Amino acid sequence: MTSLTVDAARPTTHAKVRILATADRLFYAEGLHTVGVDRIISESKVTKATFYKYYRSKDALIVAYLQGRDRIARDFLASIDTRFDTPEQRLRGVVTEISHQVTREGFHGCPFINAAAQFTDPAHPVRQAVAEHRDWYVRSIEDVFRGMGYARPGDAADDFFLARDGAFAGANLGDPIGAHTALLRAIQRVLDESSD
């Protein structure tokens, strides 16, 4: 039986995956406009031709980055649905994860809010990827509130996102503990409204 040897100097991960993983790390940590294609190519250890084979432009890579973050969020909400029995438990599970996110080292805010701030044209593909994610997320949280019996689940979802977005911004600006505690207070007020 022969063994397959791998050249240690040659990356074993597929080039397309390496490019996206590198972009994900750099875009989130440093911003979409500040990270150039040449740096992504260099840190991904691919050629320029390989980069453009998989991503026709930097904007296409940014959209793929956001779509990847969207898949993570969708997978997370799907896991919440299987781990918790009631809508209130599901909502609290989401809030717990947000609280963990805002207090993690290396937290730089919401990647979708960050992208929206850097791409202001609503017709731009990046902005459309942000809008698709946001629409899905808002509908999902509204469904949770509907399941909890809220008469106006859309209003409750608006309150939830105001608190969530504020926590993300506050933590990104340097006060993760304050953002975490303010988020918990705000969500508790939204939950208390259901019992009125």
Protein backbone atom coordinates (compact mmCIF):
# COMPACT_ATOMS: atom_id res chain seq x y z
CA MET A 1 0.00 0.00 0.00
CA THR A 2 1.37 3.42 -0.93
CA SER A 3 0.87 6.49 1.20
CA LEU A 4 -0.10 9.89 -0.09
CA THR A 5 2.39 12.54 0.86
CA VAL A 6 1.41 16.15 1.15
CA ASP A 7 3.84 18.94 0.39
CA ALA A 8 3.94 20.99 3.61
CA ALA A 9 4.62 24.16 1.63
CA ARG A 10 1.46 23.70 -0.45
CA PRO A 11 -1.88 24.44 1.21
CA THR A 12 -4.21 21.44 1.25
CA THR A 13 -7.46 23.40 1.46
CA HIS A 14 -9.16 24.17 -1.85
CA ALA A 15 -8.19 27.59 -3.19
CA LYS A 16 -11.77 28.89 -3.33
CA VAL A 17 -12.30 27.98 0.33
CA ARG A 18 -8.98 29.53 1.36
CA ILE A 19 -9.78 32.77 -0.44
CA LEU A 20 -13.19 33.06 1.23
CA ALA A 21 -11.84 32.12 4.67
CA THR A 22 -9.07 34.70 4.35
CA ALA A 23 -11.51 37.35 3.15
CA ASP A 24 -13.91 36.53 5.98
CA ARG A 25 -11.19 37.00 8.59
CA LEU A 26 -9.79 40.20 7.09
CA PHE A 27 -13.08 41.82 6.08
CA TYR A 28 -14.55 41.32 9.53
CA ALA A 29 -11.46 42.45 11.44
CA GLU A 30 -10.42 45.38 9.26
CA GLY A 31 -13.34 46.43 7.06
CA LEU A 32 -14.45 45.81 3.51
CA HIS A 33 -12.86 48.84 1.87
CA THR A 34 -9.53 48.71 3.71
CA VAL A 35 -8.61 45.16 2.66
CA GLY A 36 -7.41 44.91 -0.92
CA VAL A 37 -7.53 42.01 -3.35
CA ASP A 38 -3.73 41.76 -3.47
CA ARG A 39 -3.57 41.16 0.26
CA ILE A 40 -6.29 38.51 0.10
CA ILE A 41 -4.42 36.81 -2.75
CA SER A 42 -1.16 36.90 -0.80
CA GLU A 43 -2.60 35.61 2.47
CA SER A 44 -4.65 32.95 0.67
CA LYS A 45 -1.51 31.74 -1.10
CA VAL A 46 -3.17 31.76 -4.52
CA THR A 47 -2.36 33.39 -7.81
CA LYS A 48 -4.23 36.37 -9.17
CA ALA A 49 -5.60 34.14 -11.94
CA THR A 50 -6.92 31.69 -9.35
CA PHE A 51 -8.57 34.47 -7.40
CA TYR A 52 -10.39 35.81 -10.47
CA LYS A 53 -11.32 32.27 -11.57
CA TYR A 54 -13.50 31.98 -8.47
CA TYR A 55 -14.40 35.61 -7.73
CA ARG A 56 -14.79 37.92 -10.72
CA SER A 57 -14.37 41.01 -8.51
CA LYS A 58 -13.83 42.13 -4.96
CA ASP A 59 -17.53 42.97 -4.74
CA ALA A 60 -18.39 39.38 -5.72
CA LEU A 61 -16.12 38.17 -2.92
CA ILE A 62 -17.78 40.54 -0.45
CA VAL A 63 -21.20 39.17 -1.44
CA ALA A 64 -19.90 35.61 -0.94
CA TYR A 65 -18.53 36.64 2.47
CA LEU A 66 -21.94 38.03 3.49
CA GLN A 67 -23.72 34.95 2.13
CA GLY A 68 -21.43 32.81 4.26
CA ARG A 69 -22.23 34.87 7.35
CA ASP A 70 -25.92 34.59 6.45
CA ARG A 71 -25.65 30.77 6.31
CA ILE A 72 -24.05 30.76 9.75
CA ALA A 73 -26.94 32.83 11.13
CA ARG A 74 -29.55 30.60 9.47
CA ASP A 75 -27.85 27.46 10.81
CA PHE A 76 -27.75 29.02 14.26
CA LEU A 77 -31.47 29.84 14.25
CA ALA A 78 -32.23 26.34 12.98
CA SER A 79 -30.25 24.91 15.90
CA ILE A 80 -32.17 27.15 18.31
CA ASP A 81 -35.41 25.70 16.97
CA THR A 82 -34.25 22.16 17.71
CA ARG A 83 -32.66 22.90 21.11
CA PHE A 84 -35.54 24.82 22.70
CA ASP A 85 -39.19 23.90 23.06
CA THR A 86 -40.98 27.23 23.40
CA PRO A 87 -40.78 30.49 21.47
CA GLU A 88 -39.68 32.36 24.60
CA GLN A 89 -36.85 29.88 25.19
CA ARG A 90 -35.82 30.31 21.55
CA LEU A 91 -35.77 34.08 21.87
CA ARG A 92 -33.74 33.87 25.07
CA GLY A 93 -31.34 31.50 23.28
CA VAL A 94 -30.84 34.08 20.53
CA VAL A 95 -30.28 36.83 23.11
CA THR A 96 -27.77 34.67 24.98
CA GLU A 97 -25.78 34.15 21.78
CA ILE A 98 -25.84 37.88 21.01
CA SER A 99 -24.61 38.55 24.55
CA HIS A 100 -21.75 36.09 24.02
CA GLN A 101 -20.88 37.70 20.68
CA VAL A 102 -20.67 41.26 22.00
CA THR A 103 -18.33 40.24 24.83
CA ARG A 104 -15.99 38.07 22.71
CA GLU A 105 -12.45 39.19 22.03
CA GLY A 106 -12.14 40.37 18.46
CA PHE A 107 -15.77 41.47 18.21
CA HIS A 108 -16.15 44.17 15.55
CA GLY A 109 -19.90 44.61 15.33
CA CYS A 110 -22.43 43.12 12.97
CA PRO A 111 -20.88 42.27 9.59
CA PHE A 112 -24.12 43.22 7.85
CA ILE A 113 -24.45 46.60 9.53
CA ASN A 114 -20.77 47.23 8.82
CA ALA A 115 -21.28 46.35 5.15
CA ALA A 116 -24.37 48.55 4.89
CA ALA A 117 -22.38 51.48 6.28
CA GLN A 118 -19.72 51.02 3.60
CA PHE A 119 -22.08 50.44 0.66
CA THR A 120 -24.85 53.02 0.64
CA ASP A 121 -26.42 52.35 -2.78
CA PRO A 122 -29.47 50.09 -2.15
CA ALA A 123 -29.12 48.67 -5.67
CA HIS A 124 -25.54 47.52 -5.12
CA PRO A 125 -25.17 43.70 -4.86
CA VAL A 126 -23.51 44.03 -1.43
CA ARG A 127 -26.39 46.10 -0.13
CA GLN A 128 -28.87 43.62 -1.63
CA ALA A 129 -27.12 40.76 0.21
CA VAL A 130 -27.45 42.76 3.43
CA ALA A 131 -31.15 43.42 2.76
CA GLU A 132 -31.86 39.75 2.03
CA HIS A 133 -30.25 38.72 5.30
CA ARG A 134 -32.00 41.40 7.29
CA ASP A 135 -35.42 40.62 5.78
CA TRP A 136 -35.02 36.94 6.64
CA TYR A 137 -33.78 37.67 10.17
CA VAL A 138 -36.59 40.14 10.92
CA ARG A 139 -39.23 37.70 9.64
CA SER A 140 -37.72 34.92 11.75
CA ILE A 141 -37.76 36.96 14.96
CA GLU A 142 -41.25 38.24 14.17
CA ASP A 143 -42.38 34.61 13.89
CA VAL A 144 -40.92 33.92 17.33
CA PHE A 145 -42.89 36.80 18.82
CA ARG A 146 -46.00 35.64 16.95
CA GLY A 147 -45.50 32.21 18.51
CA MET A 148 -45.33 33.88 21.92
CA GLY A 149 -48.79 35.35 21.32
CA TYR A 150 -47.84 38.99 20.73
CA ALA A 151 -50.69 41.00 19.25
CA ARG A 152 -48.14 43.09 17.27
CA PRO A 153 -45.19 40.77 16.60
CA GLY A 154 -43.75 43.19 14.04
CA ASP A 155 -43.48 45.92 16.68
CA ALA A 156 -41.82 43.48 19.09
CA ALA A 157 -39.34 42.45 16.37
CA ASP A 158 -38.57 46.14 15.73
CA ASP A 159 -37.87 46.61 19.45
CA PHE A 160 -35.69 43.49 19.45
CA PHE A 161 -33.59 44.71 16.53
CA LEU A 162 -33.22 48.18 17.96
CA ALA A 163 -31.81 46.60 21.13
CA ARG A 164 -29.66 44.11 19.20
CA ASP A 165 -28.24 46.68 16.79
CA GLY A 166 -27.57 49.06 19.68
CA ALA A 167 -25.74 46.32 21.59
CA PHE A 168 -23.63 45.52 18.55
CA ALA A 169 -22.75 49.19 18.03
CA GLY A 170 -22.08 49.83 21.71
CA ALA A 171 -19.81 46.81 22.05
CA ASN A 172 -17.98 47.70 18.85
CA LEU A 173 -17.39 51.21 20.18
CA GLY A 174 -15.68 49.79 23.23
CA ASP A 175 -18.22 49.03 25.95
CA PRO A 176 -19.13 45.33 25.59
CA ILE A 177 -20.27 44.91 29.20
CA GLY A 178 -22.54 47.95 29.03
CA ALA A 179 -23.89 46.76 25.68
CA HIS A 180 -24.53 43.29 27.08
CA THR A 181 -26.41 44.52 30.15
CA ALA A 182 -28.41 47.11 28.19
CA LEU A 183 -29.43 44.41 25.70
CA LEU A 184 -30.68 42.16 28.50
CA ARG A 185 -32.67 45.01 30.07
CA ALA A 186 -34.21 46.02 26.75
CA ILE A 187 -35.20 42.47 25.82
CA GLN A 188 -36.69 41.91 29.27
CA ARG A 189 -38.84 45.02 28.78
CA VAL A 190 -40.04 43.63 25.44
CA LEU A 191 -40.86 40.31 27.11
CA ASP A 192 -42.65 42.04 29.96
CA GLU A 193 -44.93 43.77 27.47
CA SER A 194 -46.34 40.40 26.47
CA SER A 195 -47.65 39.83 29.97
CA ASP A 196 -49.45 43.20 30.14
